[in-house]
Amino acid sequence: MREARSQLNSAGNQAVGQVDKAQTSTLEGPTFLCDIGDGLTSAAEFVGLNLGVALGDATSNVVNAAGGS
C-alpha cells in the first residue's frame, strides 16, 4: 500500500509539473502565427472599410444623378 501511495504521489507531482509548464508557455505572449492572424485581420478591416466608403460614395452618386436628395 505504501508503494501505491508513493507512485500516486509521484504521478500527481508529474501532472502538476506538466500543467505548470503548459500554463507558463501559454503566458509568454503572442506567437508568430498570432502575429500573422492579426495582420490578416487588420488588412481585412482596412479593405472592408475602404470598400464600404467606395460603395457608399457610388450609391450617393447614383442617387444624386437620378435626381434624389
N, C-alpha and C. Protein backbone atom coordinates (compact mmCIF):
# COMPACT_ATOMS: atom_id res chain seq x y z
N MET A 1 0.82 -1.19 0.00
CA MET A 1 0.00 0.00 0.00
C MET A 1 0.87 1.25 0.00
N ARG A 2 1.95 1.22 0.72
CA ARG A 2 2.86 2.36 0.79
C ARG A 2 3.44 2.65 -0.60
N GLU A 3 3.80 1.60 -1.34
CA GLU A 3 4.35 1.77 -2.69
C GLU A 3 3.30 2.39 -3.63
N ALA A 4 2.06 1.98 -3.50
CA ALA A 4 0.98 2.52 -4.33
C ALA A 4 0.80 4.01 -4.05
N ARG A 5 0.84 4.39 -2.77
CA ARG A 5 0.72 5.81 -2.43
C ARG A 5 1.88 6.62 -2.98
N SER A 6 3.04 6.06 -2.91
CA SER A 6 4.23 6.73 -3.42
C SER A 6 4.13 6.94 -4.94
N GLN A 7 3.67 5.91 -5.64
CA GLN A 7 3.50 6.02 -7.10
C GLN A 7 2.43 7.05 -7.44
N LEU A 8 1.35 7.06 -6.66
CA LEU A 8 0.27 8.02 -6.89
C LEU A 8 0.77 9.45 -6.67
N ASN A 9 1.51 9.66 -5.59
CA ASN A 9 2.06 11.00 -5.33
C ASN A 9 3.02 11.43 -6.43
N SER A 10 3.85 10.50 -6.88
CA SER A 10 4.81 10.81 -7.93
C SER A 10 4.08 11.19 -9.22
N ALA A 11 3.06 10.43 -9.57
CA ALA A 11 2.29 10.73 -10.78
C ALA A 11 1.59 12.09 -10.65
N GLY A 12 1.07 12.36 -9.47
CA GLY A 12 0.42 13.66 -9.24
C GLY A 12 1.38 14.81 -9.38
N ASN A 13 2.57 14.65 -8.83
CA ASN A 13 3.59 15.70 -8.93
C ASN A 13 4.01 15.92 -10.38
N GLN A 14 4.13 14.85 -11.14
CA GLN A 14 4.48 14.98 -12.55
C GLN A 14 3.38 15.70 -13.32
N ALA A 15 2.12 15.37 -13.01
CA ALA A 15 0.99 16.01 -13.69
C ALA A 15 0.97 17.51 -13.38
N VAL A 16 1.18 17.86 -12.12
CA VAL A 16 1.20 19.28 -11.73
C VAL A 16 2.33 20.00 -12.46
N GLY A 17 3.47 19.35 -12.56
CA GLY A 17 4.60 19.95 -13.27
C GLY A 17 4.29 20.20 -14.74
N GLN A 18 3.62 19.25 -15.37
CA GLN A 18 3.26 19.42 -16.78
C GLN A 18 2.24 20.54 -16.97
N VAL A 19 1.28 20.62 -16.08
CA VAL A 19 0.27 21.69 -16.17
C VAL A 19 0.93 23.05 -15.97
N ASP A 20 1.81 23.15 -14.98
CA ASP A 20 2.52 24.41 -14.76
C ASP A 20 3.35 24.81 -15.98
N LYS A 21 4.01 23.83 -16.58
CA LYS A 21 4.82 24.09 -17.77
C LYS A 21 3.94 24.58 -18.92
N ALA A 22 2.79 23.95 -19.10
CA ALA A 22 1.88 24.34 -20.18
C ALA A 22 1.34 25.75 -19.95
N GLN A 23 0.99 26.07 -18.72
CA GLN A 23 0.46 27.41 -18.42
C GLN A 23 1.53 28.47 -18.63
N THR A 24 2.75 28.18 -18.26
CA THR A 24 3.85 29.13 -18.43
C THR A 24 4.10 29.40 -19.90
N SER A 25 4.06 28.35 -20.72
CA SER A 25 4.34 28.54 -22.14
C SER A 25 3.23 29.30 -22.85
N THR A 26 1.99 29.21 -22.36
CA THR A 26 0.91 29.95 -23.00
C THR A 26 0.90 31.40 -22.56
N LEU A 27 1.56 31.74 -21.47
CA LEU A 27 1.57 33.12 -20.99
C LEU A 27 2.73 33.93 -21.55
N GLU A 28 3.54 33.31 -22.41
CA GLU A 28 4.73 34.00 -22.92
C GLU A 28 4.39 35.13 -23.87
N GLY A 29 3.26 35.10 -24.51
CA GLY A 29 2.88 36.16 -25.42
C GLY A 29 2.49 35.60 -26.77
N PRO A 30 2.17 36.48 -27.69
CA PRO A 30 1.70 36.03 -29.00
C PRO A 30 2.80 35.32 -29.78
N THR A 31 2.38 34.35 -30.56
CA THR A 31 3.32 33.61 -31.39
C THR A 31 3.38 34.22 -32.78
N PHE A 32 4.25 33.69 -33.59
CA PHE A 32 4.38 34.15 -34.97
C PHE A 32 3.05 34.01 -35.71
N LEU A 33 2.34 32.89 -35.49
CA LEU A 33 1.07 32.68 -36.17
C LEU A 33 0.01 33.68 -35.69
N CYS A 34 0.06 34.04 -34.42
CA CYS A 34 -0.86 35.07 -33.92
C CYS A 34 -0.61 36.40 -34.62
N ASP A 35 0.66 36.73 -34.80
CA ASP A 35 1.02 37.97 -35.48
C ASP A 35 0.51 37.97 -36.92
N ILE A 36 0.62 36.84 -37.60
CA ILE A 36 0.11 36.74 -38.97
C ILE A 36 -1.40 36.92 -38.98
N GLY A 37 -2.08 36.26 -38.04
CA GLY A 37 -3.54 36.39 -37.96
C GLY A 37 -3.97 37.82 -37.70
N ASP A 38 -3.25 38.50 -36.81
CA ASP A 38 -3.57 39.91 -36.53
C ASP A 38 -3.36 40.77 -37.77
N GLY A 39 -2.30 40.50 -38.52
CA GLY A 39 -2.04 41.25 -39.74
C GLY A 39 -3.13 41.04 -40.78
N LEU A 40 -3.57 39.78 -40.92
CA LEU A 40 -4.65 39.50 -41.88
C LEU A 40 -5.96 40.16 -41.46
N THR A 41 -6.24 40.16 -40.17
CA THR A 41 -7.45 40.80 -39.66
C THR A 41 -7.40 42.30 -39.93
N SER A 42 -6.27 42.92 -39.68
CA SER A 42 -6.13 44.35 -39.93
C SER A 42 -6.29 44.67 -41.41
N ALA A 43 -5.71 43.84 -42.27
CA ALA A 43 -5.84 44.06 -43.71
C ALA A 43 -7.28 43.92 -44.15
N ALA A 44 -7.97 42.92 -43.63
CA ALA A 44 -9.37 42.71 -44.00
C ALA A 44 -10.24 43.88 -43.53
N GLU A 45 -9.97 44.38 -42.33
CA GLU A 45 -10.72 45.53 -41.83
C GLU A 45 -10.45 46.77 -42.69
N PHE A 46 -9.21 46.96 -43.10
CA PHE A 46 -8.85 48.10 -43.93
C PHE A 46 -9.57 48.03 -45.28
N VAL A 47 -9.54 46.86 -45.90
CA VAL A 47 -10.20 46.68 -47.20
C VAL A 47 -11.71 46.85 -47.05
N GLY A 48 -12.27 46.26 -46.00
CA GLY A 48 -13.72 46.38 -45.78
C GLY A 48 -14.15 47.81 -45.57
N LEU A 49 -13.39 48.56 -44.81
CA LEU A 49 -13.71 49.97 -44.55
C LEU A 49 -13.63 50.77 -45.84
N ASN A 50 -12.56 50.60 -46.59
CA ASN A 50 -12.40 51.36 -47.83
C ASN A 50 -13.43 50.94 -48.87
N LEU A 51 -13.77 49.66 -48.91
CA LEU A 51 -14.79 49.20 -49.85
C LEU A 51 -16.15 49.78 -49.48
N GLY A 52 -16.43 49.82 -48.18
CA GLY A 52 -17.69 50.40 -47.72
C GLY A 52 -17.79 51.87 -48.07
N VAL A 53 -16.73 52.61 -47.91
CA VAL A 53 -16.71 54.03 -48.26
C VAL A 53 -16.91 54.20 -49.77
N ALA A 54 -16.21 53.38 -50.55
CA ALA A 54 -16.32 53.48 -52.01
C ALA A 54 -17.74 53.13 -52.47
N LEU A 55 -18.32 52.10 -51.89
CA LEU A 55 -19.69 51.73 -52.27
C LEU A 55 -20.69 52.79 -51.83
N GLY A 56 -20.45 53.37 -50.66
CA GLY A 56 -21.32 54.46 -50.20
C GLY A 56 -21.25 55.65 -51.12
N ASP A 57 -20.04 56.00 -51.56
CA ASP A 57 -19.87 57.12 -52.50
C ASP A 57 -20.55 56.82 -53.82
N ALA A 58 -20.39 55.60 -54.31
CA ALA A 58 -21.00 55.22 -55.59
C ALA A 58 -22.52 55.28 -55.49
N THR A 59 -23.06 54.81 -54.38
CA THR A 59 -24.52 54.85 -54.18
C THR A 59 -25.01 56.29 -54.14
N SER A 60 -24.28 57.15 -53.43
CA SER A 60 -24.67 58.56 -53.36
C SER A 60 -24.63 59.20 -54.74
N ASN A 61 -23.63 58.86 -55.56
CA ASN A 61 -23.51 59.42 -56.90
C ASN A 61 -24.69 58.99 -57.77
N VAL A 62 -25.10 57.73 -57.64
CA VAL A 62 -26.23 57.23 -58.43
C VAL A 62 -27.51 57.93 -58.01
N VAL A 63 -27.73 58.07 -56.70
CA VAL A 63 -28.92 58.74 -56.21
C VAL A 63 -28.93 60.19 -56.65
N ASN A 64 -27.80 60.86 -56.56
CA ASN A 64 -27.72 62.26 -56.98
C ASN A 64 -27.95 62.41 -58.48
N ALA A 65 -27.41 61.48 -59.25
CA ALA A 65 -27.59 61.54 -60.71
C ALA A 65 -29.05 61.29 -61.08
N ALA A 66 -29.75 60.52 -60.28
CA ALA A 66 -31.16 60.23 -60.55
C ALA A 66 -32.06 61.35 -60.06
N GLY A 67 -31.50 62.36 -59.46
CA GLY A 67 -32.29 63.50 -59.01
C GLY A 67 -32.76 63.37 -57.58
N GLY A 68 -32.23 62.42 -56.86
CA GLY A 68 -32.59 62.27 -55.44
C GLY A 68 -31.84 63.24 -54.57
N SER A 69 -32.20 63.26 -53.30
CA SER A 69 -31.54 64.22 -52.41
C SER A 69 -30.41 63.60 -51.64
